[in-house]
Amino acid sequence: MFGSESSLHNDKQPLRADLSDRIAQLQQTLPAAVKLVAVSKSVGVDQMRRAYAAGIRDFGENRVQSAVEKKQQLADLPNLTWHFIGHLQTNKARLALETFDWIHSVDNLKLAQRLQSLTVDLPQPPRLLLQVKMLPDPNKYGWSSSELFNDLAQLLQCDRLAIQGLMTILPLGLTDVEQLAAFNQMTQLAQAIHQQTAIPMTQLSMGMSDDYLLAVQAGATMVRLGRILFSE
């Protein structure tokens, strides 16, 4: 279900300073089927416009209200896709549903059920990913693998949610071998869920600036890149 790029490795070549050059170089390291989500949460709309001019169409934000404001300021740019990648509080759920095309961080059953209740009158709800902790990490939100399996029956009842796959953020301090193993476990988890349920598992959002090549090697379909892209 998820492709493998065994020729990829985790050697990071220095990127040239110009934003458009960095984007071009990053795109060359990614297979055509892998979507680059530019993590724009820490940059202003001027840099986002520059990224757009260089070919970026997918932007990731972690604050709902900030994204609303940026979306208004960039309303003149066609074909933008907005991704929510932060922890979503239930009191911001309705606004998030109205603002984003993708929500990567559905991290517990209560939130999923809340989103289900809010999608009744939405003509086209956003596509969702379930956030999973592949390794124990007190600093991250999300299901463990066993918790997600325990909640699958109730998630299946959330039939208005457009669940598309899984998302993960790895703990800090892992070796390359440990990172690759965790990403491979994520791919295997998605395959197991797909085999046992009717929930589509076509998307894997995994990999950030320090580990995205390993994530792609393991089958990522989306990588979320911020610092490596926007840092001057």
C-alpha atoms as a PDB file:
ATOM      1  CA  MET A   1       0.000   0.000   0.000  1.00  0.00           C
ATOM      2  CA  PHE A   2       2.827   2.384   0.831  1.00  0.00           C
ATOM      3  CA  GLY A   3       5.830   2.597  -1.468  1.00  0.00           C
ATOM      4  CA  SER A   4       9.444   2.189  -0.436  1.00  0.00           C
ATOM      5  CA  GLU A   5      12.363   4.236  -1.669  1.00  0.00           C
ATOM      6  CA  SER A   6      15.323   2.097  -0.633  1.00  0.00           C
ATOM      7  CA  SER A   7      17.776   4.370  -2.425  1.00  0.00           C
ATOM      8  CA  LEU A   8      16.984   7.259  -0.095  1.00  0.00           C
ATOM      9  CA  HIS A   9      19.301   7.898   2.795  1.00  0.00           C
ATOM     10  CA  ASN A  10      19.541  10.365   5.636  1.00  0.00           C
ATOM     11  CA  ASP A  11      22.625  12.305   4.527  1.00  0.00           C
ATOM     12  CA  LYS A  12      21.565  15.918   4.515  1.00  0.00           C
ATOM     13  CA  GLN A  13      23.276  18.097   1.962  1.00  0.00           C
ATOM     14  CA  PRO A  14      23.673  21.812   2.757  1.00  0.00           C
ATOM     15  CA  LEU A  15      20.872  23.851   1.263  1.00  0.00           C
ATOM     16  CA  ARG A  16      21.456  27.120  -0.520  1.00  0.00           C
ATOM     17  CA  ALA A  17      20.235  30.247   1.218  1.00  0.00           C
ATOM     18  CA  ASP A  18      17.528  31.316  -1.212  1.00  0.00           C
ATOM     19  CA  LEU A  19      14.088  30.007  -0.297  1.00  0.00           C
ATOM     20  CA  SER A  20      13.180  29.056  -3.865  1.00  0.00           C
ATOM     21  CA  ASP A  21      16.462  27.135  -4.201  1.00  0.00           C
ATOM     22  CA  ARG A  22      15.840  25.289  -0.945  1.00  0.00           C
ATOM     23  CA  ILE A  23      12.362  24.322  -2.088  1.00  0.00           C
ATOM     24  CA  ALA A  24      13.679  23.101  -5.424  1.00  0.00           C
ATOM     25  CA  GLN A  25      16.381  21.024  -3.739  1.00  0.00           C
ATOM     26  CA  LEU A  26      13.934  19.550  -1.249  1.00  0.00           C
ATOM     27  CA  GLN A  27      11.475  18.640  -3.975  1.00  0.00           C
ATOM     28  CA  GLN A  28      14.261  16.803  -5.795  1.00  0.00           C
ATOM     29  CA  THR A  29      14.807  14.577  -2.755  1.00  0.00           C
ATOM     30  CA  LEU A  30      11.145  13.546  -2.630  1.00  0.00           C
ATOM     31  CA  PRO A  31       9.364  11.011  -4.833  1.00  0.00           C
ATOM     32  CA  ALA A  32       6.575  12.560  -6.883  1.00  0.00           C
ATOM     33  CA  ALA A  33       3.934  10.793  -4.787  1.00  0.00           C
ATOM     34  CA  VAL A  34       5.111  12.396  -1.523  1.00  0.00           C
ATOM     35  CA  LYS A  35       3.474  15.696  -0.615  1.00  0.00           C
ATOM     36  CA  LEU A  36       5.639  18.421   0.916  1.00  0.00           C
ATOM     37  CA  VAL A  37       3.689  20.309   3.585  1.00  0.00           C
ATOM     38  CA  ALA A  38       5.506  23.561   4.342  1.00  0.00           C
ATOM     39  CA  VAL A  39       5.249  24.153   8.088  1.00  0.00           C
ATOM     40  CA  SER A  40       4.534  27.878   8.087  1.00  0.00           C
ATOM     41  CA  LYS A  41       3.477  28.228  11.731  1.00  0.00           C
ATOM     42  CA  SER A  42       6.479  30.422  12.582  1.00  0.00           C
ATOM     43  CA  VAL A  43       6.681  32.541   9.441  1.00  0.00           C
ATOM     44  CA  GLY A  44       4.692  35.447   8.056  1.00  0.00           C
ATOM     45  CA  VAL A  45       2.625  35.721   4.931  1.00  0.00           C
ATOM     46  CA  ASP A  46       5.459  37.377   2.982  1.00  0.00           C
ATOM     47  CA  GLN A  47       7.579  34.246   3.251  1.00  0.00           C
ATOM     48  CA  MET A  48       4.545  32.122   2.482  1.00  0.00           C
ATOM     49  CA  ARG A  49       4.019  34.113  -0.692  1.00  0.00           C
ATOM     50  CA  ARG A  50       7.639  33.494  -1.648  1.00  0.00           C
ATOM     51  CA  ALA A  51       7.170  29.789  -1.001  1.00  0.00           C
ATOM     52  CA  TYR A  52       4.011  29.824  -3.101  1.00  0.00           C
ATOM     53  CA  ALA A  53       5.905  31.483  -5.963  1.00  0.00           C
ATOM     54  CA  ALA A  54       8.439  28.647  -5.712  1.00  0.00           C
ATOM     55  CA  GLY A  55       5.717  26.030  -6.100  1.00  0.00           C
ATOM     56  CA  ILE A  56       4.462  25.294  -2.565  1.00  0.00           C
ATOM     57  CA  ARG A  57       0.707  24.821  -2.301  1.00  0.00           C
ATOM     58  CA  ASP A  58       0.393  23.021   1.041  1.00  0.00           C
ATOM     59  CA  PHE A  59       0.925  24.922   4.293  1.00  0.00           C
ATOM     60  CA  GLY A  60       0.874  23.551   7.842  1.00  0.00           C
ATOM     61  CA  GLU A  61      -0.263  25.611  10.827  1.00  0.00           C
ATOM     62  CA  ASN A  62      -0.579  24.707  14.509  1.00  0.00           C
ATOM     63  CA  ARG A  63      -2.828  27.528  15.736  1.00  0.00           C
ATOM     64  CA  VAL A  64      -6.357  27.810  14.432  1.00  0.00           C
ATOM     65  CA  GLN A  65      -6.826  31.562  14.804  1.00  0.00           C
ATOM     66  CA  SER A  66      -3.440  32.360  13.276  1.00  0.00           C
ATOM     67  CA  ALA A  67      -4.320  30.204  10.284  1.00  0.00           C
ATOM     68  CA  VAL A  68      -7.654  31.991   9.886  1.00  0.00           C
ATOM     69  CA  GLU A  69      -5.831  35.313   9.668  1.00  0.00           C
ATOM     70  CA  LYS A  70      -3.203  34.038   7.237  1.00  0.00           C
ATOM     71  CA  LYS A  71      -5.857  32.406   5.089  1.00  0.00           C
ATOM     72  CA  GLN A  72      -7.654  35.743   4.800  1.00  0.00           C
ATOM     73  CA  GLN A  73      -4.428  37.555   3.872  1.00  0.00           C
ATOM     74  CA  LEU A  74      -3.598  34.962   1.212  1.00  0.00           C
ATOM     75  CA  ALA A  75      -7.097  34.672  -0.217  1.00  0.00           C
ATOM     76  CA  ASP A  76      -5.850  35.951  -3.583  1.00  0.00           C
ATOM     77  CA  LEU A  77      -3.637  32.866  -4.071  1.00  0.00           C
ATOM     78  CA  PRO A  78      -5.454  30.005  -5.806  1.00  0.00           C
ATOM     79  CA  ASN A  79      -5.163  26.309  -5.006  1.00  0.00           C
ATOM     80  CA  LEU A  80      -3.857  26.582  -1.473  1.00  0.00           C
ATOM     81  CA  THR A  81      -4.332  23.574   0.821  1.00  0.00           C
ATOM     82  CA  TRP A  82      -4.330  24.217   4.561  1.00  0.00           C
ATOM     83  CA  HIS A  83      -3.142  21.550   7.015  1.00  0.00           C
ATOM     84  CA  PHE A  84      -3.665  21.697  10.773  1.00  0.00           C
ATOM     85  CA  ILE A  85      -0.713  19.996  12.462  1.00  0.00           C
ATOM     86  CA  GLY A  86      -0.955  21.101  16.119  1.00  0.00           C
ATOM     87  CA  HIS A  87      -2.852  19.819  19.123  1.00  0.00           C
ATOM     88  CA  LEU A  88      -6.522  20.569  18.530  1.00  0.00           C
ATOM     89  CA  GLN A  89      -8.541  21.653  21.547  1.00  0.00           C
ATOM     90  CA  THR A  90     -12.196  20.669  21.448  1.00  0.00           C
ATOM     91  CA  ASN A  91     -13.321  24.289  21.840  1.00  0.00           C
ATOM     92  CA  LYS A  92     -11.529  25.122  18.572  1.00  0.00           C
ATOM     93  CA  ALA A  93     -12.835  22.084  16.723  1.00  0.00           C
ATOM     94  CA  ARG A  94     -15.650  23.812  14.824  1.00  0.00           C
ATOM     95  CA  LEU A  95     -13.412  26.622  13.572  1.00  0.00           C
ATOM     96  CA  ALA A  96     -10.737  24.109  12.589  1.00  0.00           C
ATOM     97  CA  LEU A  97     -13.274  22.129  10.554  1.00  0.00           C
ATOM     98  CA  GLU A  98     -14.298  25.306   8.743  1.00  0.00           C
ATOM     99  CA  THR A  99     -10.720  26.489   8.125  1.00  0.00           C
ATOM    100  CA  PHE A 100      -8.588  23.509   7.165  1.00  0.00           C
ATOM    101  CA  ASP A 101      -8.553  21.026   4.306  1.00  0.00           C
ATOM    102  CA  TRP A 102      -6.601  18.499   6.392  1.00  0.00           C
ATOM    103  CA  ILE A 103      -6.378  17.922  10.140  1.00  0.00           C
ATOM    104  CA  HIS A 104      -3.345  15.734  10.883  1.00  0.00           C
ATOM    105  CA  SER A 105      -3.729  15.618  14.651  1.00  0.00           C
ATOM    106  CA  VAL A 106      -6.906  13.819  15.690  1.00  0.00           C
ATOM    107  CA  ASP A 107      -5.249  12.392  18.784  1.00  0.00           C
ATOM    108  CA  ASN A 108      -7.988  10.807  20.919  1.00  0.00           C
ATOM    109  CA  LEU A 109     -11.439   9.274  20.694  1.00  0.00           C
ATOM    110  CA  LYS A 110     -13.191  12.155  22.472  1.00  0.00           C
ATOM    111  CA  LEU A 111     -11.904  14.603  19.848  1.00  0.00           C
ATOM    112  CA  ALA A 112     -12.936  12.295  17.006  1.00  0.00           C
ATOM    113  CA  GLN A 113     -16.438  12.018  18.440  1.00  0.00           C
ATOM    114  CA  ARG A 114     -16.622  15.798  18.859  1.00  0.00           C
ATOM    115  CA  LEU A 115     -15.616  16.295  15.224  1.00  0.00           C
ATOM    116  CA  GLN A 116     -18.220  13.732  14.192  1.00  0.00           C
ATOM    117  CA  SER A 117     -20.947  15.713  15.956  1.00  0.00           C
ATOM    118  CA  LEU A 118     -19.846  18.957  14.286  1.00  0.00           C
ATOM    119  CA  THR A 119     -19.762  17.699  10.702  1.00  0.00           C
ATOM    120  CA  VAL A 120     -23.528  17.276  10.361  1.00  0.00           C
ATOM    121  CA  ASP A 121     -24.033  20.493   8.395  1.00  0.00           C
ATOM    122  CA  LEU A 122     -20.637  20.732   6.700  1.00  0.00           C
ATOM    123  CA  PRO A 123     -20.873  20.135   2.940  1.00  0.00           C
ATOM    124  CA  GLN A 124     -17.274  18.923   2.682  1.00  0.00           C
ATOM    125  CA  PRO A 125     -15.526  18.204   5.982  1.00  0.00           C
ATOM    126  CA  PRO A 126     -11.718  18.140   5.996  1.00  0.00           C
ATOM    127  CA  ARG A 127      -9.744  14.970   5.601  1.00  0.00           C
ATOM    128  CA  LEU A 128      -8.401  13.636   8.892  1.00  0.00           C
ATOM    129  CA  LEU A 129      -5.403  11.695  10.141  1.00  0.00           C
ATOM    130  CA  LEU A 130      -5.191   9.848  13.455  1.00  0.00           C
ATOM    131  CA  GLN A 131      -2.154  10.816  15.524  1.00  0.00           C
ATOM    132  CA  VAL A 132      -0.249   7.873  16.961  1.00  0.00           C
ATOM    133  CA  LYS A 133       2.692   7.686  19.375  1.00  0.00           C
ATOM    134  CA  MET A 134       4.834   4.905  17.945  1.00  0.00           C
ATOM    135  CA  LEU A 135       7.101   5.141  21.013  1.00  0.00           C
ATOM    136  CA  PRO A 136       6.248   6.302  24.550  1.00  0.00           C
ATOM    137  CA  ASP A 137       6.673  10.058  24.816  1.00  0.00           C
ATOM    138  CA  PRO A 138       5.123  12.183  27.581  1.00  0.00           C
ATOM    139  CA  ASN A 139       5.637  15.299  25.445  1.00  0.00           C
ATOM    140  CA  LYS A 140       3.472  14.109  22.550  1.00  0.00           C
ATOM    141  CA  TYR A 141      -0.261  13.632  22.093  1.00  0.00           C
ATOM    142  CA  GLY A 142      -1.832  10.659  20.382  1.00  0.00           C
ATOM    143  CA  TRP A 143      -2.914   7.061  20.727  1.00  0.00           C
ATOM    144  CA  SER A 144      -0.496   4.255  21.396  1.00  0.00           C
ATOM    145  CA  SER A 145      -0.911   1.406  18.907  1.00  0.00           C
ATOM    146  CA  SER A 146      -2.808  -0.702  21.433  1.00  0.00           C
ATOM    147  CA  GLU A 147      -5.072   2.184  22.447  1.00  0.00           C
ATOM    148  CA  LEU A 148      -5.930   2.853  18.815  1.00  0.00           C
ATOM    149  CA  PHE A 149      -6.863  -0.782  18.214  1.00  0.00           C
ATOM    150  CA  ASN A 150      -9.057  -0.678  21.311  1.00  0.00           C
ATOM    151  CA  ASP A 151     -10.890   2.377  19.963  1.00  0.00           C
ATOM    152  CA  LEU A 152     -11.314   1.205  16.371  1.00  0.00           C
ATOM    153  CA  ALA A 153     -14.867  -0.052  16.872  1.00  0.00           C
ATOM    154  CA  GLN A 154     -15.967   3.341  18.186  1.00  0.00           C
ATOM    155  CA  LEU A 155     -14.043   5.181  15.481  1.00  0.00           C
ATOM    156  CA  LEU A 156     -15.941   3.159  12.896  1.00  0.00           C
ATOM    157  CA  GLN A 157     -19.134   4.664  14.284  1.00  0.00           C
ATOM    158  CA  CYS A 158     -17.826   8.140  13.395  1.00  0.00           C
ATOM    159  CA  ASP A 159     -19.012   7.573   9.858  1.00  0.00           C
ATOM    160  CA  ARG A 160     -19.045  11.227   8.806  1.00  0.00           C
ATOM    161  CA  LEU A 161     -15.327  11.647   9.397  1.00  0.00           C
ATOM    162  CA  ALA A 162     -13.086  11.481   6.341  1.00  0.00           C
ATOM    163  CA  ILE A 163     -10.275   9.541   8.009  1.00  0.00           C
ATOM    164  CA  GLN A 164      -7.459   8.968   5.527  1.00  0.00           C
ATOM    165  CA  GLY A 165      -4.586   7.512   7.528  1.00  0.00           C
ATOM    166  CA  LEU A 166      -2.140   8.147  10.351  1.00  0.00           C
ATOM    167  CA  MET A 167       0.262  10.827  11.580  1.00  0.00           C
ATOM    168  CA  THR A 168       3.182  10.557  13.981  1.00  0.00           C
ATOM    169  CA  ILE A 169       5.904  12.700  15.562  1.00  0.00           C
ATOM    170  CA  LEU A 170       8.854  10.757  16.909  1.00  0.00           C
ATOM    171  CA  PRO A 171      10.532  11.476  20.255  1.00  0.00           C
ATOM    172  CA  LEU A 172      13.747  13.466  20.238  1.00  0.00           C
ATOM    173  CA  GLY A 173      17.129  11.789  20.593  1.00  0.00           C
ATOM    174  CA  LEU A 174      16.584   8.656  18.491  1.00  0.00           C
ATOM    175  CA  THR A 175      19.279   7.200  16.268  1.00  0.00           C
ATOM    176  CA  ASP A 176      18.662   6.828  12.535  1.00  0.00           C
ATOM    177  CA  VAL A 177      18.124   3.098  13.058  1.00  0.00           C
ATOM    178  CA  GLU A 178      15.541   3.741  15.768  1.00  0.00           C
ATOM    179  CA  GLN A 179      13.773   6.382  13.655  1.00  0.00           C
ATOM    180  CA  LEU A 180      13.536   4.108  10.633  1.00  0.00           C
ATOM    181  CA  ALA A 181      12.251   1.239  12.768  1.00  0.00           C
ATOM    182  CA  ALA A 182       9.532   3.457  14.253  1.00  0.00           C
ATOM    183  CA  PHE A 183       8.470   4.714  10.825  1.00  0.00           C
ATOM    184  CA  ASN A 184       8.327   1.143   9.517  1.00  0.00           C
ATOM    185  CA  GLN A 185       6.139   0.197  12.502  1.00  0.00           C
ATOM    186  CA  MET A 186       3.834   3.071  11.558  1.00  0.00           C
ATOM    187  CA  THR A 187       3.459   1.678   8.040  1.00  0.00           C
ATOM    188  CA  GLN A 188       2.741  -1.780   9.424  1.00  0.00           C
ATOM    189  CA  LEU A 189       0.158  -0.346  11.822  1.00  0.00           C
ATOM    190  CA  ALA A 190      -1.652   1.402   8.959  1.00  0.00           C
ATOM    191  CA  GLN A 191      -1.695  -1.823   6.961  1.00  0.00           C
ATOM    192  CA  ALA A 192      -3.067  -3.772   9.920  1.00  0.00           C
ATOM    193  CA  ILE A 193      -5.843  -1.235  10.502  1.00  0.00           C
ATOM    194  CA  HIS A 194      -6.738  -1.252   6.807  1.00  0.00           C
ATOM    195  CA  GLN A 195      -6.978  -5.050   6.810  1.00  0.00           C
ATOM    196  CA  GLN A 196      -9.240  -5.134   9.878  1.00  0.00           C
ATOM    197  CA  THR A 197     -11.569  -2.224   9.193  1.00  0.00           C
ATOM    198  CA  ALA A 198     -13.174  -0.170   6.466  1.00  0.00           C
ATOM    199  CA  ILE A 199     -11.106   2.863   7.481  1.00  0.00           C
ATOM    200  CA  PRO A 200      -8.916   4.017   4.577  1.00  0.00           C
ATOM    201  CA  MET A 201      -5.215   4.107   5.396  1.00  0.00           C
ATOM    202  CA  THR A 202      -3.887   5.700   2.231  1.00  0.00           C
ATOM    203  CA  GLN A 203      -1.950   8.540   3.876  1.00  0.00           C
ATOM    204  CA  LEU A 204       0.995   8.523   6.270  1.00  0.00           C
ATOM    205  CA  SER A 205       2.052  11.933   7.560  1.00  0.00           C
ATOM    206  CA  MET A 206       5.463  11.363   9.091  1.00  0.00           C
ATOM    207  CA  GLY A 207       8.871  12.938   8.854  1.00  0.00           C
ATOM    208  CA  MET A 208      10.111  16.421   9.648  1.00  0.00           C
ATOM    209  CA  SER A 209      13.284  18.388   8.927  1.00  0.00           C
ATOM    210  CA  ASP A 210      15.691  15.984  10.667  1.00  0.00           C
ATOM    211  CA  ASP A 211      14.176  12.644   9.677  1.00  0.00           C
ATOM    212  CA  TYR A 212      12.054  13.112   6.555  1.00  0.00           C
ATOM    213  CA  LEU A 213      14.259  10.996   4.269  1.00  0.00           C
ATOM    214  CA  LEU A 214      13.950   8.051   6.632  1.00  0.00           C
ATOM    215  CA  ALA A 215      10.191   8.589   6.789  1.00  0.00           C
ATOM    216  CA  VAL A 216       9.967   8.533   2.999  1.00  0.00           C
ATOM    217  CA  GLN A 217      12.053   5.364   2.921  1.00  0.00           C
ATOM    218  CA  ALA A 218       9.492   3.774   5.257  1.00  0.00           C
ATOM    219  CA  GLY A 219       6.489   4.829   3.156  1.00  0.00           C
ATOM    220  CA  ALA A 220       5.500   8.383   4.126  1.00  0.00           C
ATOM    221  CA  THR A 221       3.052  10.057   1.772  1.00  0.00           C
ATOM    222  CA  MET A 222       3.361  13.494   3.448  1.00  0.00           C
ATOM    223  CA  VAL A 223       6.346  15.138   5.104  1.00  0.00           C
ATOM    224  CA  ARG A 224       6.057  18.250   7.251  1.00  0.00           C
ATOM    225  CA  LEU A 225       9.062  20.522   6.726  1.00  0.00           C
ATOM    226  CA  GLY A 226       9.564  23.861   8.434  1.00  0.00           C
ATOM    227  CA  ARG A 227      13.012  24.691   9.764  1.00  0.00           C
ATOM    228  CA  ILE A 228      14.926  23.132   6.864  1.00  0.00           C
ATOM    229  CA  LEU A 229      12.770  25.104   4.443  1.00  0.00           C
ATOM    230  CA  PHE A 230      12.281  28.518   6.066  1.00  0.00           C
ATOM    231  CA  SER A 231      15.421  28.979   8.213  1.00  0.00           C
ATOM    232  CA  GLU A 232      17.722  31.509   6.599  1.00  0.00           C
END
